[in-house]
Amino acid sequence: MTAMRDIILTVSREAGVSVMDIRSARRDAASTRARMICCWLARRHTPLSLPAIGRHLGGRDHSTVRHAIRRIGEIMTHDESAARLARRCEARLLARETEPEETPQ
């Protein structure tokens, strides 16, 4: 199961946006897009509720999370770069889930 911190870290690295900016109130395009992708991935890959996802992303309301999920879905249908970024983040998360855990020796 994917943890929210893994989602935020992965999106931060792939989007080139700091974790602090993802969790902040910044409204620039890069931070907003990264935050929306975090919401989308969290909904797809965690059992977290919308309010719980919002708490991980700077205390956002559940309706904000729901709007972000809907909006990034719309954006991805006509913005290939946004779709590639979201899919690349998703692929990295899925690859992490399938990596064998290191066992201490």
C-alpha atoms as a PDB file:
ATOM      1  CA  MET A   1       0.000   0.000   0.000  1.00  0.00           C
ATOM      2  CA  THR A   2       1.273   3.440  -0.877  1.00  0.00           C
ATOM      3  CA  ALA A   3       1.795   5.959   1.904  1.00  0.00           C
ATOM      4  CA  MET A   4       0.836   9.591   1.471  1.00  0.00           C
ATOM      5  CA  ARG A   5       4.388  10.723   2.235  1.00  0.00           C
ATOM      6  CA  ASP A   6       5.645   8.548  -0.651  1.00  0.00           C
ATOM      7  CA  ILE A   7       3.152  10.194  -2.985  1.00  0.00           C
ATOM      8  CA  ILE A   8       4.150  13.698  -1.924  1.00  0.00           C
ATOM      9  CA  LEU A   9       7.879  12.935  -2.185  1.00  0.00           C
ATOM     10  CA  THR A  10       7.505  11.304  -5.599  1.00  0.00           C
ATOM     11  CA  VAL A  11       5.438  14.155  -7.018  1.00  0.00           C
ATOM     12  CA  SER A  12       7.836  16.685  -5.502  1.00  0.00           C
ATOM     13  CA  ARG A  13      10.816  15.068  -7.237  1.00  0.00           C
ATOM     14  CA  GLU A  14       9.105  14.513 -10.570  1.00  0.00           C
ATOM     15  CA  ALA A  15       7.446  17.944 -10.744  1.00  0.00           C
ATOM     16  CA  GLY A  16      10.409  19.880  -9.379  1.00  0.00           C
ATOM     17  CA  VAL A  17       8.295  21.437  -6.635  1.00  0.00           C
ATOM     18  CA  SER A  18       9.312  21.349  -2.973  1.00  0.00           C
ATOM     19  CA  VAL A  19       7.310  19.369  -0.435  1.00  0.00           C
ATOM     20  CA  MET A  20       6.798  22.623   1.448  1.00  0.00           C
ATOM     21  CA  ASP A  21       5.249  24.221  -1.647  1.00  0.00           C
ATOM     22  CA  ILE A  22       2.941  21.243  -2.188  1.00  0.00           C
ATOM     23  CA  ARG A  23       1.687  21.551   1.388  1.00  0.00           C
ATOM     24  CA  SER A  24       1.572  25.363   1.380  1.00  0.00           C
ATOM     25  CA  ALA A  25      -1.080  27.810   0.239  1.00  0.00           C
ATOM     26  CA  ARG A  26       0.965  28.734  -2.857  1.00  0.00           C
ATOM     27  CA  ARG A  27      -1.202  29.094  -5.929  1.00  0.00           C
ATOM     28  CA  ASP A  28       1.378  29.199  -8.714  1.00  0.00           C
ATOM     29  CA  ALA A  29       0.746  26.783 -11.569  1.00  0.00           C
ATOM     30  CA  ALA A  30       3.526  24.315 -10.730  1.00  0.00           C
ATOM     31  CA  SER A  31       2.583  23.985  -7.047  1.00  0.00           C
ATOM     32  CA  THR A  32      -1.117  23.722  -7.822  1.00  0.00           C
ATOM     33  CA  ARG A  33      -0.611  21.068 -10.494  1.00  0.00           C
ATOM     34  CA  ALA A  34       1.684  19.036  -8.202  1.00  0.00           C
ATOM     35  CA  ARG A  35      -0.890  19.238  -5.400  1.00  0.00           C
ATOM     36  CA  MET A  36      -3.695  18.115  -7.734  1.00  0.00           C
ATOM     37  CA  ILE A  37      -1.611  15.148  -8.881  1.00  0.00           C
ATOM     38  CA  CYS A  38      -1.003  14.228  -5.226  1.00  0.00           C
ATOM     39  CA  CYS A  39      -4.766  14.243  -4.637  1.00  0.00           C
ATOM     40  CA  TRP A  40      -5.386  12.128  -7.739  1.00  0.00           C
ATOM     41  CA  LEU A  41      -2.719   9.579  -6.807  1.00  0.00           C
ATOM     42  CA  ALA A  42      -3.838   9.421  -3.180  1.00  0.00           C
ATOM     43  CA  ARG A  43      -7.393   8.670  -4.230  1.00  0.00           C
ATOM     44  CA  ARG A  44      -6.236   5.926  -6.615  1.00  0.00           C
ATOM     45  CA  HIS A  45      -3.586   4.309  -4.419  1.00  0.00           C
ATOM     46  CA  THR A  46      -4.517   4.811  -0.768  1.00  0.00           C
ATOM     47  CA  PRO A  47      -7.574   4.022   1.331  1.00  0.00           C
ATOM     48  CA  LEU A  48      -7.546   7.579   2.701  1.00  0.00           C
ATOM     49  CA  SER A  49     -10.734   9.616   2.805  1.00  0.00           C
ATOM     50  CA  LEU A  50     -10.931  13.007   1.120  1.00  0.00           C
ATOM     51  CA  PRO A  51     -10.603  14.835   4.480  1.00  0.00           C
ATOM     52  CA  ALA A  52      -7.528  12.734   5.358  1.00  0.00           C
ATOM     53  CA  ILE A  53      -5.910  13.502   2.002  1.00  0.00           C
ATOM     54  CA  GLY A  54      -6.604  17.193   2.608  1.00  0.00           C
ATOM     55  CA  ARG A  55      -4.962  17.061   6.039  1.00  0.00           C
ATOM     56  CA  HIS A  56      -1.776  15.661   4.462  1.00  0.00           C
ATOM     57  CA  LEU A  57      -1.773  18.495   1.937  1.00  0.00           C
ATOM     58  CA  GLY A  58      -1.756  21.462   4.277  1.00  0.00           C
ATOM     59  CA  GLY A  59      -5.163  21.092   5.887  1.00  0.00           C
ATOM     60  CA  ARG A  60      -7.265  21.421   2.784  1.00  0.00           C
ATOM     61  CA  ASP A  61     -10.999  20.822   2.890  1.00  0.00           C
ATOM     62  CA  HIS A  62     -12.460  17.615   1.423  1.00  0.00           C
ATOM     63  CA  SER A  63     -14.283  19.626  -1.241  1.00  0.00           C
ATOM     64  CA  THR A  64     -10.972  21.130  -2.368  1.00  0.00           C
ATOM     65  CA  VAL A  65      -9.511  17.629  -2.698  1.00  0.00           C
ATOM     66  CA  ARG A  66     -12.550  16.446  -4.656  1.00  0.00           C
ATOM     67  CA  HIS A  67     -12.283  19.449  -6.980  1.00  0.00           C
ATOM     68  CA  ALA A  68      -8.537  18.845  -7.493  1.00  0.00           C
ATOM     69  CA  ILE A  69      -9.144  15.212  -8.454  1.00  0.00           C
ATOM     70  CA  ARG A  70     -11.850  16.180 -10.928  1.00  0.00           C
ATOM     71  CA  ARG A  71      -9.838  19.085 -12.339  1.00  0.00           C
ATOM     72  CA  ILE A  72      -6.599  17.166 -12.918  1.00  0.00           C
ATOM     73  CA  GLY A  73      -8.608  14.482 -14.696  1.00  0.00           C
ATOM     74  CA  GLU A  74      -9.963  17.148 -17.054  1.00  0.00           C
ATOM     75  CA  ILE A  75      -6.546  18.742 -17.526  1.00  0.00           C
ATOM     76  CA  MET A  76      -4.964  15.385 -18.351  1.00  0.00           C
ATOM     77  CA  THR A  77      -7.395  14.838 -21.227  1.00  0.00           C
ATOM     78  CA  HIS A  78      -6.070  17.844 -23.150  1.00  0.00           C
ATOM     79  CA  ASP A  79      -2.621  18.609 -21.654  1.00  0.00           C
ATOM     80  CA  GLU A  80      -0.177  15.879 -22.616  1.00  0.00           C
ATOM     81  CA  SER A  81       2.589  17.176 -20.339  1.00  0.00           C
ATOM     82  CA  ALA A  82       0.314  17.035 -17.284  1.00  0.00           C
ATOM     83  CA  ALA A  83      -0.801  13.534 -18.240  1.00  0.00           C
ATOM     84  CA  ARG A  84       2.824  12.399 -18.688  1.00  0.00           C
ATOM     85  CA  LEU A  85       3.805  13.854 -15.316  1.00  0.00           C
ATOM     86  CA  ALA A  86       0.911  12.157 -13.520  1.00  0.00           C
ATOM     87  CA  ARG A  87       1.564   8.804 -15.221  1.00  0.00           C
ATOM     88  CA  ARG A  88       5.306   9.049 -14.536  1.00  0.00           C
ATOM     89  CA  CYS A  89       4.613   9.686 -10.837  1.00  0.00           C
ATOM     90  CA  GLU A  90       2.170   6.797 -10.758  1.00  0.00           C
ATOM     91  CA  ALA A  91       4.680   4.467 -12.432  1.00  0.00           C
ATOM     92  CA  ARG A  92       7.362   5.407  -9.887  1.00  0.00           C
ATOM     93  CA  LEU A  93       4.988   4.719  -7.012  1.00  0.00           C
ATOM     94  CA  LEU A  94       3.967   1.360  -8.433  1.00  0.00           C
ATOM     95  CA  ALA A  95       7.616   0.429  -9.001  1.00  0.00           C
ATOM     96  CA  ARG A  96       8.366   1.204  -5.347  1.00  0.00           C
ATOM     97  CA  GLU A  97       5.548  -1.076  -4.244  1.00  0.00           C
ATOM     98  CA  THR A  98       6.954  -4.008  -6.191  1.00  0.00           C
ATOM     99  CA  GLU A  99      10.569  -3.578  -5.028  1.00  0.00           C
ATOM    100  CA  PRO A 100      11.559  -6.264  -2.541  1.00  0.00           C
ATOM    101  CA  GLU A 101      12.191  -4.941   0.943  1.00  0.00           C
ATOM    102  CA  GLU A 102      15.736  -5.157   2.203  1.00  0.00           C
ATOM    103  CA  THR A 103      16.165  -7.593   5.045  1.00  0.00           C
ATOM    104  CA  PRO A 104      18.630  -6.754   7.779  1.00  0.00           C
ATOM    105  CA  GLN A 105      21.511  -9.204   8.053  1.00  0.00           C
END
